[in-house]
């Protein structure tokens, strides 16, 4: 079941974010150690209702198995834009189309907010995610060399956009 996360979901959301950052550090800008230092209150505030920030989660019984964030720009001249980030599906739940369900939910929420332009980044080596985003109508408009540094490894990111 896909639904917006609330402050009541903060503990499980924090646990899943930490697992994602630990297991796949190359996929996220947030570092595991930095995230681990954030108290539960940080995640409670993050999941509190707000007009410009939404985290969707896909649940299987009491297990959060996928999540993603939609953040609308704050400035008046930029409120037509939003970014999607932090998209993650637990390894045991992959291959079932949950990324597509999650992305469609995030795009639907963006449209309901009045957003007309969506942006995201994806690591250049993540062919599966790039293929999904392209199939949903996102187009690459640039590449940021050395966007992430994981250990001694530099990772490029592809910048993508979609007009709703």
N, C-alpha and C. Protein backbone atom coordinates (compact mmCIF):
# COMPACT_ATOMS: atom_id res chain seq x y z
N UNK A 1 0.84 -1.17 0.00
CA UNK A 1 0.00 0.00 0.00
C UNK A 1 0.89 1.25 0.00
N UNK A 2 0.60 2.16 -0.88
CA UNK A 2 1.35 3.41 -1.01
C UNK A 2 0.62 4.49 -0.23
N UNK A 3 1.38 5.20 0.63
CA UNK A 3 0.78 6.29 1.38
C UNK A 3 1.85 7.26 1.85
N UNK A 4 1.45 8.53 2.12
CA UNK A 4 2.41 9.47 2.68
C UNK A 4 2.83 9.02 4.08
N UNK A 5 4.10 9.22 4.38
CA UNK A 5 4.58 8.89 5.71
C UNK A 5 4.23 10.01 6.67
N UNK A 6 4.05 9.67 7.94
CA UNK A 6 3.70 10.63 8.99
C UNK A 6 4.74 10.52 10.10
N UNK A 7 4.70 11.44 11.05
CA UNK A 7 5.64 11.35 12.17
C UNK A 7 5.60 10.00 12.90
N UNK A 8 4.47 9.33 12.90
CA UNK A 8 4.37 8.02 13.54
C UNK A 8 5.25 6.97 12.84
N UNK A 9 5.65 7.22 11.60
CA UNK A 9 6.47 6.29 10.82
C UNK A 9 7.97 6.59 10.96
N UNK A 10 8.33 7.58 11.75
CA UNK A 10 9.70 8.07 11.77
C UNK A 10 10.74 7.00 12.12
N UNK A 11 10.48 6.16 13.09
CA UNK A 11 11.48 5.16 13.52
C UNK A 11 11.78 4.16 12.40
N UNK A 12 10.74 3.63 11.77
CA UNK A 12 10.97 2.66 10.70
C UNK A 12 11.58 3.36 9.47
N UNK A 13 11.16 4.59 9.20
CA UNK A 13 11.73 5.33 8.08
C UNK A 13 13.21 5.59 8.32
N UNK A 14 13.57 6.01 9.51
CA UNK A 14 14.98 6.25 9.84
C UNK A 14 15.79 4.96 9.66
N UNK A 15 15.28 3.85 10.16
CA UNK A 15 15.97 2.56 10.04
C UNK A 15 16.19 2.20 8.57
N UNK A 16 15.17 2.39 7.74
CA UNK A 16 15.29 2.05 6.31
C UNK A 16 16.26 2.98 5.60
N UNK A 17 16.24 4.27 5.92
CA UNK A 17 17.19 5.23 5.31
C UNK A 17 18.62 4.84 5.66
N UNK A 18 18.84 4.49 6.92
CA UNK A 18 20.19 4.10 7.33
C UNK A 18 20.63 2.83 6.60
N UNK A 19 19.75 1.87 6.50
CA UNK A 19 20.09 0.64 5.78
C UNK A 19 20.43 0.93 4.33
N UNK A 20 19.65 1.79 3.69
CA UNK A 20 19.89 2.15 2.28
C UNK A 20 21.25 2.83 2.12
N UNK A 21 21.55 3.77 3.01
CA UNK A 21 22.82 4.51 2.89
C UNK A 21 24.01 3.62 3.22
N UNK A 22 23.82 2.64 4.07
CA UNK A 22 24.91 1.70 4.39
C UNK A 22 25.13 0.70 3.27
N UNK A 23 24.03 0.14 2.75
CA UNK A 23 24.13 -0.90 1.73
C UNK A 23 24.50 -0.36 0.34
N UNK A 24 24.07 0.86 0.03
CA UNK A 24 24.29 1.41 -1.30
C UNK A 24 24.77 2.86 -1.22
N UNK A 25 25.96 3.07 -0.66
CA UNK A 25 26.44 4.45 -0.47
C UNK A 25 26.61 5.23 -1.77
N UNK A 26 26.82 4.54 -2.87
CA UNK A 26 27.03 5.21 -4.15
C UNK A 26 25.74 5.77 -4.72
N UNK A 27 24.60 5.41 -4.16
CA UNK A 27 23.32 5.82 -4.74
C UNK A 27 22.73 7.08 -4.11
N UNK A 28 23.32 7.56 -3.02
CA UNK A 28 22.72 8.67 -2.29
C UNK A 28 23.75 9.73 -1.94
N UNK A 29 23.32 10.97 -1.95
CA UNK A 29 24.20 12.05 -1.53
C UNK A 29 24.40 12.04 -0.02
N UNK A 30 23.43 11.56 0.72
CA UNK A 30 23.53 11.51 2.18
C UNK A 30 24.45 10.35 2.59
N UNK A 31 25.34 10.63 3.50
CA UNK A 31 26.30 9.65 3.98
C UNK A 31 25.73 8.90 5.20
N UNK A 32 26.03 7.62 5.31
CA UNK A 32 25.52 6.81 6.41
C UNK A 32 25.88 7.41 7.78
N UNK A 33 27.13 7.75 7.98
CA UNK A 33 27.56 8.27 9.29
C UNK A 33 26.85 9.57 9.63
N UNK A 34 26.69 10.44 8.65
CA UNK A 34 25.96 11.70 8.89
C UNK A 34 24.51 11.44 9.25
N UNK A 35 23.88 10.53 8.53
CA UNK A 35 22.48 10.20 8.79
C UNK A 35 22.32 9.54 10.15
N UNK A 36 23.26 8.67 10.52
CA UNK A 36 23.17 7.95 11.79
C UNK A 36 23.24 8.89 12.98
N UNK A 37 23.89 10.03 12.83
CA UNK A 37 23.98 11.01 13.92
C UNK A 37 22.70 11.81 14.11
N UNK A 38 21.82 11.78 13.13
CA UNK A 38 20.58 12.56 13.25
C UNK A 38 19.63 11.84 14.21
N UNK A 39 19.10 12.58 15.18
CA UNK A 39 18.19 11.96 16.15
C UNK A 39 16.83 11.66 15.53
N UNK A 40 16.08 10.83 16.19
CA UNK A 40 14.74 10.48 15.72
C UNK A 40 13.88 11.73 15.54
N UNK A 41 14.07 12.73 16.38
CA UNK A 41 13.29 13.97 16.25
C UNK A 41 13.46 14.63 14.89
N UNK A 42 14.65 14.51 14.31
CA UNK A 42 14.89 15.06 12.97
C UNK A 42 13.91 14.44 11.97
N UNK A 43 13.75 13.12 12.04
CA UNK A 43 12.89 12.41 11.10
C UNK A 43 11.41 12.66 11.41
N UNK A 44 11.09 12.83 12.67
CA UNK A 44 9.72 13.18 13.04
C UNK A 44 9.36 14.52 12.42
N UNK A 45 10.25 15.51 12.53
CA UNK A 45 10.00 16.82 11.92
C UNK A 45 9.91 16.71 10.39
N UNK A 46 10.78 15.89 9.80
CA UNK A 46 10.80 15.72 8.35
C UNK A 46 9.49 15.16 7.83
N UNK A 47 8.87 14.31 8.63
CA UNK A 47 7.64 13.65 8.21
C UNK A 47 6.38 14.39 8.67
N UNK A 48 6.56 15.52 9.32
CA UNK A 48 5.41 16.32 9.75
C UNK A 48 4.76 16.95 8.53
N UNK A 49 3.46 17.10 8.57
CA UNK A 49 2.77 17.67 7.41
C UNK A 49 3.34 19.02 7.01
N UNK A 50 3.55 19.19 5.72
CA UNK A 50 4.05 20.44 5.18
C UNK A 50 3.63 20.56 3.74
N UNK A 51 3.44 21.77 3.30
CA UNK A 51 2.93 21.98 1.95
C UNK A 51 3.95 21.68 0.87
N UNK A 52 5.23 21.75 1.19
CA UNK A 52 6.26 21.65 0.15
C UNK A 52 7.15 20.42 0.25
N UNK A 53 6.86 19.51 1.14
CA UNK A 53 7.72 18.35 1.36
C UNK A 53 6.84 17.15 1.62
N UNK A 54 7.06 16.07 0.90
CA UNK A 54 6.24 14.88 1.08
C UNK A 54 7.12 13.65 0.90
N UNK A 55 6.97 12.71 1.81
CA UNK A 55 7.65 11.42 1.67
C UNK A 55 6.58 10.36 1.51
N UNK A 56 6.66 9.63 0.40
CA UNK A 56 5.74 8.52 0.16
C UNK A 56 6.44 7.23 0.52
N UNK A 57 5.67 6.31 1.06
CA UNK A 57 6.21 5.00 1.37
C UNK A 57 5.30 3.90 0.87
N UNK A 58 5.90 2.80 0.48
CA UNK A 58 5.13 1.62 0.09
C UNK A 58 5.29 0.60 1.20
N UNK A 59 4.16 0.16 1.73
CA UNK A 59 4.14 -0.75 2.87
C UNK A 59 3.65 -2.13 2.46
N UNK A 60 4.24 -3.12 3.07
CA UNK A 60 3.77 -4.49 2.96
C UNK A 60 3.56 -4.95 4.40
N UNK A 61 2.31 -5.04 4.79
CA UNK A 61 1.94 -5.25 6.19
C UNK A 61 2.54 -4.12 7.02
N UNK A 62 3.41 -4.42 7.97
CA UNK A 62 4.02 -3.37 8.80
C UNK A 62 5.44 -3.04 8.36
N UNK A 63 5.82 -3.46 7.16
CA UNK A 63 7.18 -3.26 6.69
C UNK A 63 7.21 -2.20 5.60
N UNK A 64 8.00 -1.16 5.83
CA UNK A 64 8.21 -0.12 4.82
C UNK A 64 9.25 -0.65 3.84
N UNK A 65 8.85 -0.91 2.60
CA UNK A 65 9.77 -1.55 1.66
C UNK A 65 10.22 -0.63 0.52
N UNK A 66 9.63 0.56 0.44
CA UNK A 66 10.06 1.52 -0.58
C UNK A 66 9.66 2.92 -0.12
N UNK A 67 10.48 3.89 -0.50
CA UNK A 67 10.14 5.27 -0.15
C UNK A 67 10.81 6.23 -1.12
N UNK A 68 10.27 7.43 -1.17
CA UNK A 68 10.81 8.49 -2.02
C UNK A 68 10.28 9.83 -1.54
N UNK A 69 11.02 10.87 -1.85
CA UNK A 69 10.71 12.21 -1.35
C UNK A 69 10.43 13.15 -2.53
N UNK A 70 9.44 14.00 -2.34
CA UNK A 70 9.10 15.06 -3.27
C UNK A 70 9.25 16.38 -2.53
N UNK A 71 10.06 17.28 -3.06
CA UNK A 71 10.26 18.57 -2.44
C UNK A 71 10.01 19.68 -3.45
N UNK A 72 9.00 20.49 -3.16
CA UNK A 72 8.65 21.62 -4.02
C UNK A 72 9.53 22.81 -3.66
N UNK A 73 9.91 23.58 -4.66
CA UNK A 73 10.72 24.77 -4.44
C UNK A 73 9.93 25.78 -3.60
N UNK A 74 10.62 26.51 -2.74
CA UNK A 74 9.97 27.46 -1.83
C UNK A 74 9.75 28.84 -2.44
N UNK A 75 10.70 29.30 -3.23
CA UNK A 75 10.62 30.66 -3.75
C UNK A 75 9.47 30.82 -4.74
N UNK A 76 8.80 31.97 -4.65
CA UNK A 76 7.61 32.23 -5.45
C UNK A 76 7.82 31.96 -6.94
N UNK A 77 8.94 32.41 -7.47
CA UNK A 77 9.20 32.27 -8.90
C UNK A 77 9.59 30.84 -9.30
N UNK A 78 9.79 30.00 -8.32
CA UNK A 78 10.24 28.62 -8.59
C UNK A 78 9.24 27.57 -8.12
N UNK A 79 8.06 27.97 -7.69
CA UNK A 79 7.10 27.03 -7.12
C UNK A 79 6.50 26.08 -8.15
N UNK A 80 6.77 26.30 -9.40
CA UNK A 80 6.31 25.38 -10.44
C UNK A 80 7.22 24.16 -10.55
N UNK A 81 8.31 24.15 -9.77
CA UNK A 81 9.31 23.08 -9.85
C UNK A 81 9.36 22.29 -8.55
N UNK A 82 9.69 21.00 -8.69
CA UNK A 82 9.91 20.14 -7.53
C UNK A 82 10.99 19.11 -7.88
N UNK A 83 11.61 18.59 -6.85
CA UNK A 83 12.64 17.56 -7.03
C UNK A 83 12.18 16.27 -6.36
N UNK A 84 12.55 15.18 -6.99
CA UNK A 84 12.34 13.85 -6.42
C UNK A 84 13.72 13.33 -6.02
N UNK A 85 13.82 12.80 -4.81
CA UNK A 85 15.09 12.23 -4.39
C UNK A 85 14.86 11.17 -3.32
N UNK A 86 15.94 10.48 -2.98
CA UNK A 86 15.87 9.46 -1.94
C UNK A 86 15.04 8.25 -2.30
N UNK A 87 14.84 7.99 -3.58
CA UNK A 87 14.02 6.84 -4.00
C UNK A 87 14.78 5.55 -3.69
N UNK A 88 14.12 4.67 -2.96
CA UNK A 88 14.77 3.43 -2.54
C UNK A 88 13.74 2.32 -2.40
N UNK A 89 14.11 1.14 -2.90
CA UNK A 89 13.31 -0.07 -2.73
C UNK A 89 14.22 -1.09 -2.05
N UNK A 90 13.74 -1.69 -0.97
CA UNK A 90 14.52 -2.70 -0.26
C UNK A 90 14.90 -3.83 -1.20
N UNK A 91 16.11 -4.35 -1.07
CA UNK A 91 16.57 -5.40 -2.00
C UNK A 91 15.61 -6.57 -2.13
N UNK A 92 15.01 -7.03 -1.02
CA UNK A 92 14.12 -8.19 -1.10
C UNK A 92 12.81 -7.90 -1.84
N UNK A 93 12.52 -6.61 -2.09
CA UNK A 93 11.28 -6.24 -2.76
C UNK A 93 11.48 -5.79 -4.20
N UNK A 94 12.69 -5.85 -4.68
CA UNK A 94 12.97 -5.37 -6.04
C UNK A 94 12.44 -6.34 -7.09
N UNK A 95 12.26 -5.80 -8.29
CA UNK A 95 11.79 -6.63 -9.40
C UNK A 95 10.28 -6.80 -9.43
N UNK A 96 9.57 -6.04 -8.61
CA UNK A 96 8.11 -6.17 -8.54
C UNK A 96 7.38 -4.91 -9.02
N UNK A 97 8.13 -3.96 -9.58
CA UNK A 97 7.51 -2.77 -10.12
C UNK A 97 7.23 -1.69 -9.07
N UNK A 98 7.80 -1.81 -7.88
CA UNK A 98 7.52 -0.85 -6.82
C UNK A 98 8.12 0.52 -7.11
N UNK A 99 9.26 0.56 -7.78
CA UNK A 99 9.85 1.86 -8.13
C UNK A 99 8.91 2.64 -9.04
N UNK A 100 8.30 1.96 -9.97
CA UNK A 100 7.36 2.61 -10.89
C UNK A 100 6.12 3.09 -10.13
N UNK A 101 5.61 2.26 -9.23
CA UNK A 101 4.44 2.64 -8.42
C UNK A 101 4.79 3.87 -7.58
N UNK A 102 5.95 3.84 -6.96
CA UNK A 102 6.39 4.95 -6.12
C UNK A 102 6.55 6.23 -6.95
N UNK A 103 7.22 6.13 -8.08
CA UNK A 103 7.43 7.30 -8.95
C UNK A 103 6.10 7.85 -9.46
N UNK A 104 5.19 6.98 -9.86
CA UNK A 104 3.88 7.45 -10.32
C UNK A 104 3.15 8.18 -9.19
N UNK A 105 3.27 7.66 -7.97
CA UNK A 105 2.65 8.32 -6.83
C UNK A 105 3.26 9.69 -6.57
N UNK A 106 4.58 9.78 -6.66
CA UNK A 106 5.26 11.07 -6.46
C UNK A 106 4.87 12.07 -7.54
N UNK A 107 4.77 11.60 -8.79
CA UNK A 107 4.38 12.49 -9.88
C UNK A 107 2.93 12.96 -9.71
N UNK A 108 2.07 12.06 -9.27
CA UNK A 108 0.67 12.43 -9.02
C UNK A 108 0.58 13.48 -7.92
N UNK A 109 1.33 13.30 -6.85
CA UNK A 109 1.35 14.28 -5.77
C UNK A 109 1.87 15.63 -6.25
N UNK A 110 2.91 15.59 -7.10
CA UNK A 110 3.47 16.83 -7.64
C UNK A 110 2.41 17.58 -8.44
N UNK A 111 1.68 16.87 -9.27
CA UNK A 111 0.62 17.50 -10.04
C UNK A 111 -0.45 18.10 -9.15
N UNK A 112 -0.80 17.41 -8.07
CA UNK A 112 -1.81 17.91 -7.13
C UNK A 112 -1.33 19.18 -6.42
N UNK A 113 -0.01 19.33 -6.29
CA UNK A 113 0.56 20.53 -5.66
C UNK A 113 0.64 21.70 -6.64
N UNK A 114 0.34 21.45 -7.90
CA UNK A 114 0.45 22.50 -8.90
C UNK A 114 1.82 22.58 -9.55
N UNK A 115 2.63 21.55 -9.35
CA UNK A 115 3.97 21.51 -9.95
C UNK A 115 3.85 21.14 -11.42
N UNK A 116 4.63 21.81 -12.26
CA UNK A 116 4.61 21.48 -13.69
C UNK A 116 5.94 20.90 -14.18
N UNK A 117 7.01 21.05 -13.40
CA UNK A 117 8.33 20.57 -13.81
C UNK A 117 8.98 19.79 -12.67
N UNK A 118 9.38 18.56 -12.97
CA UNK A 118 10.03 17.69 -11.98
C UNK A 118 11.49 17.47 -12.36
N UNK A 119 12.32 17.38 -11.34
CA UNK A 119 13.76 17.17 -11.53
C UNK A 119 14.23 16.05 -10.62
N UNK A 120 15.26 15.34 -11.06
CA UNK A 120 15.90 14.33 -10.24
C UNK A 120 17.32 14.11 -10.74
N UNK A 121 18.11 13.46 -9.92
CA UNK A 121 19.44 13.03 -10.35
C UNK A 121 19.54 11.53 -10.11
N UNK A 122 20.38 10.91 -10.91
CA UNK A 122 20.62 9.48 -10.78
C UNK A 122 22.09 9.23 -11.10
N UNK A 123 22.70 8.30 -10.37
CA UNK A 123 24.10 8.02 -10.66
C UNK A 123 24.21 7.49 -12.08
N UNK A 124 25.25 7.94 -12.77
CA UNK A 124 25.41 7.60 -14.19
C UNK A 124 25.49 6.10 -14.43
N UNK A 125 25.95 5.36 -13.44
CA UNK A 125 26.10 3.91 -13.62
C UNK A 125 24.83 3.12 -13.32
N UNK A 126 23.80 3.77 -12.82
CA UNK A 126 22.56 3.07 -12.44
C UNK A 126 21.63 2.98 -13.65
N UNK A 127 21.92 2.03 -14.51
CA UNK A 127 21.17 1.88 -15.76
C UNK A 127 19.70 1.52 -15.52
N UNK A 128 19.43 0.72 -14.50
CA UNK A 128 18.04 0.32 -14.23
C UNK A 128 17.21 1.54 -13.86
N UNK A 129 17.71 2.39 -12.97
CA UNK A 129 16.97 3.58 -12.56
C UNK A 129 16.83 4.56 -13.73
N UNK A 130 17.91 4.76 -14.48
CA UNK A 130 17.82 5.66 -15.64
C UNK A 130 16.76 5.17 -16.62
N UNK A 131 16.74 3.87 -16.87
CA UNK A 131 15.74 3.30 -17.78
C UNK A 131 14.32 3.51 -17.27
N UNK A 132 14.12 3.33 -15.98
CA UNK A 132 12.80 3.57 -15.40
C UNK A 132 12.39 5.03 -15.59
N UNK A 133 13.28 5.94 -15.22
CA UNK A 133 12.95 7.35 -15.31
C UNK A 133 12.68 7.77 -16.75
N UNK A 134 13.45 7.26 -17.69
CA UNK A 134 13.20 7.56 -19.10
C UNK A 134 11.84 7.02 -19.54
N UNK A 135 11.49 5.82 -19.08
CA UNK A 135 10.19 5.24 -19.46
C UNK A 135 9.03 6.04 -18.89
N UNK A 136 9.29 6.82 -17.84
CA UNK A 136 8.26 7.66 -17.22
C UNK A 136 8.26 9.08 -17.81
N UNK A 137 9.11 9.31 -18.81
CA UNK A 137 9.11 10.59 -19.49
C UNK A 137 10.18 11.58 -19.04
N UNK A 138 11.06 11.16 -18.16
CA UNK A 138 12.16 12.04 -17.76
C UNK A 138 13.22 12.01 -18.87
N UNK A 139 13.83 13.17 -19.08
CA UNK A 139 14.89 13.28 -20.08
C UNK A 139 16.15 13.83 -19.43
N UNK A 140 17.30 13.29 -19.82
CA UNK A 140 18.58 13.80 -19.32
C UNK A 140 18.83 15.17 -19.92
N UNK A 141 19.27 16.10 -19.09
CA UNK A 141 19.62 17.43 -19.59
C UNK A 141 21.03 17.84 -19.19
N UNK A 142 21.72 16.95 -18.51
CA UNK A 142 23.10 17.27 -18.13
C UNK A 142 23.72 16.15 -17.33
N UNK A 143 24.97 16.35 -17.06
CA UNK A 143 25.74 15.37 -16.28
C UNK A 143 26.67 16.15 -15.36
N UNK A 144 26.67 15.79 -14.10
CA UNK A 144 27.58 16.42 -13.15
C UNK A 144 28.72 15.46 -12.85
N UNK A 145 29.91 15.80 -13.36
CA UNK A 145 31.07 14.94 -13.10
C UNK A 145 31.43 15.00 -11.61
N UNK A 146 31.83 13.87 -11.07
CA UNK A 146 32.29 13.77 -9.68
C UNK A 146 31.27 14.36 -8.71
N UNK A 147 30.01 14.09 -8.93
CA UNK A 147 28.96 14.63 -8.06
C UNK A 147 29.05 14.05 -6.65
N UNK A 148 29.46 12.80 -6.56
CA UNK A 148 29.60 12.12 -5.27
C UNK A 148 31.00 11.54 -5.14
N UNK A 149 31.47 11.50 -3.92
CA UNK A 149 32.75 10.84 -3.65
C UNK A 149 32.50 9.84 -2.53
N UNK A 150 32.63 8.57 -2.87
CA UNK A 150 32.43 7.49 -1.91
C UNK A 150 33.78 6.82 -1.72
N UNK A 151 34.37 7.03 -0.57
CA UNK A 151 35.75 6.59 -0.37
C UNK A 151 36.64 7.37 -1.32
N UNK A 152 37.40 6.66 -2.14
CA UNK A 152 38.26 7.31 -3.13
C UNK A 152 37.60 7.35 -4.51
N UNK A 153 36.39 6.85 -4.60
CA UNK A 153 35.70 6.72 -5.89
C UNK A 153 34.83 7.93 -6.19
N UNK A 154 35.00 8.52 -7.37
CA UNK A 154 34.18 9.63 -7.82
C UNK A 154 33.08 9.10 -8.73
N UNK A 155 31.86 9.59 -8.50
CA UNK A 155 30.69 9.08 -9.22
C UNK A 155 29.97 10.25 -9.88
N UNK A 156 29.73 10.13 -11.19
CA UNK A 156 28.97 11.14 -11.92
C UNK A 156 27.48 10.94 -11.69
N UNK A 157 26.74 12.04 -11.79
CA UNK A 157 25.28 11.95 -11.74
C UNK A 157 24.71 12.54 -13.03
N UNK A 158 23.61 11.94 -13.47
CA UNK A 158 22.86 12.42 -14.63
C UNK A 158 21.69 13.23 -14.09
N UNK A 159 21.52 14.44 -14.61
CA UNK A 159 20.43 15.32 -14.23
C UNK A 159 19.28 15.07 -15.20
N UNK A 160 18.08 14.86 -14.66
CA UNK A 160 16.93 14.54 -15.49
C UNK A 160 15.75 15.44 -15.14
N UNK A 161 14.88 15.68 -16.12
CA UNK A 161 13.72 16.53 -15.91
C UNK A 161 12.53 15.98 -16.69
N UNK A 162 11.33 16.36 -16.21
CA UNK A 162 10.09 15.96 -16.86
C UNK A 162 9.09 17.10 -16.70
N UNK A 163 8.40 17.41 -17.79
CA UNK A 163 7.30 18.36 -17.74
C UNK A 163 6.03 17.56 -17.55
N UNK A 164 5.26 17.91 -16.52
CA UNK A 164 4.01 17.19 -16.26
C UNK A 164 2.91 17.64 -17.20
